[in-house]
Amino acid sequence: MFELHVKGHISSAHFLREYAGKCKNLHGHNWKVELFIVSDKLDALGMVADFGVIKEKLNKFLSGLDHVCLNELPYFKTNNPTTENIAKYIFHEFSSEIAPLKIDRVQVWESEQNSVIYYE
């Protein structure tokens, strides 16, 4: 089994609805996004996928989450924009961008100390 790993980042604002702490207020993060793709096969060149192609697709996808208030995006109007839900959103939405490749997990860091990993 092979695991391809690429990183991206977004800088976005959000606030957590129905949260009792200070994160109920509008604030921002510089999120680091890590994507792990798995495959038991290699292409004719001996690659799972071209890093450049995956990074380009990831950066294009993440641009829709960059420098926005996440609460204003359709998905996050009904799903609180927690780091957990951001990771889940990226996992599901980006999966269709790179099919038939398979995402194993997505890790989203909201700070150097705190991250969430989403997988199925």
C-alpha atoms as a PDB file:
ATOM      1  CA  MET A   1       0.000   0.000   0.000  1.00  0.00           C
ATOM      2  CA  PHE A   2       1.199   3.504  -0.826  1.00  0.00           C
ATOM      3  CA  GLU A   3       0.271   6.754   0.882  1.00  0.00           C
ATOM      4  CA  LEU A   4       0.660  10.087  -0.868  1.00  0.00           C
ATOM      5  CA  HIS A   5       0.727  13.143   1.393  1.00  0.00           C
ATOM      6  CA  VAL A   6       0.205  16.778   0.361  1.00  0.00           C
ATOM      7  CA  LYS A   7      -0.294  19.948   2.376  1.00  0.00           C
ATOM      8  CA  GLY A   8      -2.203  23.150   1.825  1.00  0.00           C
ATOM      9  CA  HIS A   9      -3.438  26.010   3.945  1.00  0.00           C
ATOM     10  CA  ILE A  10      -6.258  28.477   4.357  1.00  0.00           C
ATOM     11  CA  SER A  11      -6.703  31.654   6.359  1.00  0.00           C
ATOM     12  CA  SER A  12     -10.349  32.055   7.271  1.00  0.00           C
ATOM     13  CA  ALA A  13     -12.674  33.499   9.851  1.00  0.00           C
ATOM     14  CA  HIS A  14     -15.434  31.708  11.708  1.00  0.00           C
ATOM     15  CA  PHE A  15     -17.453  31.714  14.894  1.00  0.00           C
ATOM     16  CA  LEU A  16     -19.003  28.781  16.710  1.00  0.00           C
ATOM     17  CA  ARG A  17     -22.750  28.963  17.148  1.00  0.00           C
ATOM     18  CA  GLU A  18     -24.147  27.963  20.563  1.00  0.00           C
ATOM     19  CA  TYR A  19     -20.637  27.770  22.050  1.00  0.00           C
ATOM     20  CA  ALA A  20     -20.187  29.169  25.576  1.00  0.00           C
ATOM     21  CA  GLY A  21     -16.496  30.144  25.238  1.00  0.00           C
ATOM     22  CA  LYS A  22     -14.701  32.949  23.460  1.00  0.00           C
ATOM     23  CA  CYS A  23     -14.825  31.095  20.109  1.00  0.00           C
ATOM     24  CA  LYS A  24     -18.478  32.156  19.882  1.00  0.00           C
ATOM     25  CA  ASN A  25     -17.053  35.469  18.656  1.00  0.00           C
ATOM     26  CA  LEU A  26     -15.810  36.047  15.134  1.00  0.00           C
ATOM     27  CA  HIS A  27     -12.100  35.166  14.897  1.00  0.00           C
ATOM     28  CA  GLY A  28      -9.659  33.682  12.421  1.00  0.00           C
ATOM     29  CA  HIS A  29      -7.141  30.889  12.008  1.00  0.00           C
ATOM     30  CA  ASN A  30      -4.363  29.996   9.631  1.00  0.00           C
ATOM     31  CA  TRP A  31      -5.385  26.386   9.105  1.00  0.00           C
ATOM     32  CA  LYS A  32      -2.931  23.839   7.753  1.00  0.00           C
ATOM     33  CA  VAL A  33      -4.608  21.101   5.716  1.00  0.00           C
ATOM     34  CA  GLU A  34      -2.951  17.723   5.213  1.00  0.00           C
ATOM     35  CA  LEU A  35      -4.361  15.251   2.741  1.00  0.00           C
ATOM     36  CA  PHE A  36      -3.474  11.548   2.662  1.00  0.00           C
ATOM     37  CA  ILE A  37      -4.281   9.528  -0.471  1.00  0.00           C
ATOM     38  CA  VAL A  38      -3.852   5.745  -0.509  1.00  0.00           C
ATOM     39  CA  SER A  39      -3.458   3.278  -3.333  1.00  0.00           C
ATOM     40  CA  ASP A  40      -2.266  -0.272  -3.765  1.00  0.00           C
ATOM     41  CA  LYS A  41      -1.435   0.435  -7.412  1.00  0.00           C
ATOM     42  CA  LEU A  42       0.983   2.687  -9.230  1.00  0.00           C
ATOM     43  CA  ASP A  43       0.523   4.213 -12.656  1.00  0.00           C
ATOM     44  CA  ALA A  44       2.732   3.416 -15.652  1.00  0.00           C
ATOM     45  CA  LEU A  45       5.317   5.922 -14.376  1.00  0.00           C
ATOM     46  CA  GLY A  46       5.451   4.283 -10.949  1.00  0.00           C
ATOM     47  CA  MET A  47       3.421   6.955  -9.108  1.00  0.00           C
ATOM     48  CA  VAL A  48       0.204   6.966  -7.094  1.00  0.00           C
ATOM     49  CA  ALA A  49      -0.407  10.379  -8.648  1.00  0.00           C
ATOM     50  CA  ASP A  50       1.600  13.394  -9.726  1.00  0.00           C
ATOM     51  CA  PHE A  51       2.278  15.573  -6.647  1.00  0.00           C
ATOM     52  CA  GLY A  52       2.032  18.705  -8.784  1.00  0.00           C
ATOM     53  CA  VAL A  53      -1.406  17.796 -10.104  1.00  0.00           C
ATOM     54  CA  ILE A  54      -2.767  16.920  -6.652  1.00  0.00           C
ATOM     55  CA  LYS A  55      -1.331  20.082  -5.066  1.00  0.00           C
ATOM     56  CA  GLU A  56      -2.774  22.225  -7.858  1.00  0.00           C
ATOM     57  CA  LYS A  57      -6.223  20.663  -7.401  1.00  0.00           C
ATOM     58  CA  LEU A  58      -6.011  20.985  -3.614  1.00  0.00           C
ATOM     59  CA  ASN A  59      -4.971  24.639  -3.777  1.00  0.00           C
ATOM     60  CA  LYS A  60      -7.780  25.410  -6.227  1.00  0.00           C
ATOM     61  CA  PHE A  61     -10.292  23.653  -3.968  1.00  0.00           C
ATOM     62  CA  LEU A  62      -9.003  25.379  -0.822  1.00  0.00           C
ATOM     63  CA  SER A  63      -9.194  28.802  -2.497  1.00  0.00           C
ATOM     64  CA  GLY A  64     -12.964  28.633  -1.959  1.00  0.00           C
ATOM     65  CA  LEU A  65     -12.345  28.444   1.810  1.00  0.00           C
ATOM     66  CA  ASP A  66      -9.580  31.037   1.935  1.00  0.00           C
ATOM     67  CA  HIS A  67     -10.115  34.567   3.259  1.00  0.00           C
ATOM     68  CA  VAL A  68     -13.833  34.093   3.836  1.00  0.00           C
ATOM     69  CA  CYS A  69     -16.077  33.784   6.848  1.00  0.00           C
ATOM     70  CA  LEU A  70     -16.771  30.059   6.803  1.00  0.00           C
ATOM     71  CA  ASN A  71     -20.156  30.555   8.482  1.00  0.00           C
ATOM     72  CA  GLU A  72     -21.377  32.211   5.279  1.00  0.00           C
ATOM     73  CA  LEU A  73     -20.702  29.168   3.078  1.00  0.00           C
ATOM     74  CA  PRO A  74     -23.731  26.918   2.404  1.00  0.00           C
ATOM     75  CA  TYR A  75     -22.328  23.819   4.170  1.00  0.00           C
ATOM     76  CA  PHE A  76     -21.452  25.761   7.293  1.00  0.00           C
ATOM     77  CA  LYS A  77     -24.825  27.450   7.545  1.00  0.00           C
ATOM     78  CA  THR A  78     -26.175  24.124   8.803  1.00  0.00           C
ATOM     79  CA  ASN A  79     -22.921  22.623  10.164  1.00  0.00           C
ATOM     80  CA  ASN A  80     -21.009  24.547  12.812  1.00  0.00           C
ATOM     81  CA  PRO A  81     -17.587  25.448  11.314  1.00  0.00           C
ATOM     82  CA  THR A  82     -15.567  23.516  13.874  1.00  0.00           C
ATOM     83  CA  THR A  83     -12.219  22.101  12.881  1.00  0.00           C
ATOM     84  CA  GLU A  84     -13.910  18.685  12.924  1.00  0.00           C
ATOM     85  CA  ASN A  85     -16.535  19.770  10.406  1.00  0.00           C
ATOM     86  CA  ILE A  86     -13.948  21.529   8.245  1.00  0.00           C
ATOM     87  CA  ALA A  87     -11.934  18.297   8.013  1.00  0.00           C
ATOM     88  CA  LYS A  88     -15.081  16.304   7.194  1.00  0.00           C
ATOM     89  CA  TYR A  89     -16.127  18.835   4.544  1.00  0.00           C
ATOM     90  CA  ILE A  90     -12.723  18.748   2.839  1.00  0.00           C
ATOM     91  CA  PHE A  91     -12.673  14.932   2.933  1.00  0.00           C
ATOM     92  CA  HIS A  92     -16.061  14.574   1.249  1.00  0.00           C
ATOM     93  CA  GLU A  93     -15.961  17.478  -1.171  1.00  0.00           C
ATOM     94  CA  PHE A  94     -12.378  17.002  -2.341  1.00  0.00           C
ATOM     95  CA  SER A  95     -12.888  13.265  -2.847  1.00  0.00           C
ATOM     96  CA  SER A  96     -14.934  13.977  -5.965  1.00  0.00           C
ATOM     97  CA  GLU A  97     -12.178  16.284  -7.279  1.00  0.00           C
ATOM     98  CA  ILE A  98      -9.603  13.496  -7.373  1.00  0.00           C
ATOM     99  CA  ALA A  99     -11.688  10.378  -8.079  1.00  0.00           C
ATOM    100  CA  PRO A 100     -10.830   7.570  -8.681  1.00  0.00           C
ATOM    101  CA  LEU A 101      -8.025   8.243  -6.195  1.00  0.00           C
ATOM    102  CA  LYS A 102      -9.059   7.527  -2.601  1.00  0.00           C
ATOM    103  CA  ILE A 103      -8.566   9.877   0.322  1.00  0.00           C
ATOM    104  CA  ASP A 104      -7.621   7.941   3.435  1.00  0.00           C
ATOM    105  CA  ARG A 105      -7.811  10.864   5.842  1.00  0.00           C
ATOM    106  CA  VAL A 106      -7.679  14.624   6.150  1.00  0.00           C
ATOM    107  CA  GLN A 107      -5.908  16.381   8.994  1.00  0.00           C
ATOM    108  CA  VAL A 108      -6.703  20.020   9.714  1.00  0.00           C
ATOM    109  CA  TRP A 109      -4.550  22.030  12.120  1.00  0.00           C
ATOM    110  CA  GLU A 110      -6.162  25.140  13.623  1.00  0.00           C
ATOM    111  CA  SER A 111      -2.930  25.935  15.476  1.00  0.00           C
ATOM    112  CA  GLU A 112       0.507  24.407  15.962  1.00  0.00           C
ATOM    113  CA  GLN A 113      -0.852  22.448  18.941  1.00  0.00           C
ATOM    114  CA  ASN A 114      -4.363  21.456  17.859  1.00  0.00           C
ATOM    115  CA  SER A 115      -5.574  19.363  14.947  1.00  0.00           C
ATOM    116  CA  VAL A 116      -8.368  17.031  13.904  1.00  0.00           C
ATOM    117  CA  ILE A 117      -8.128  13.979  11.673  1.00  0.00           C
ATOM    118  CA  TYR A 118     -11.204  12.854   9.744  1.00  0.00           C
ATOM    119  CA  TYR A 119     -11.430   9.446   8.057  1.00  0.00           C
ATOM    120  CA  GLU A 120     -14.050   6.826   7.244  1.00  0.00           C
END
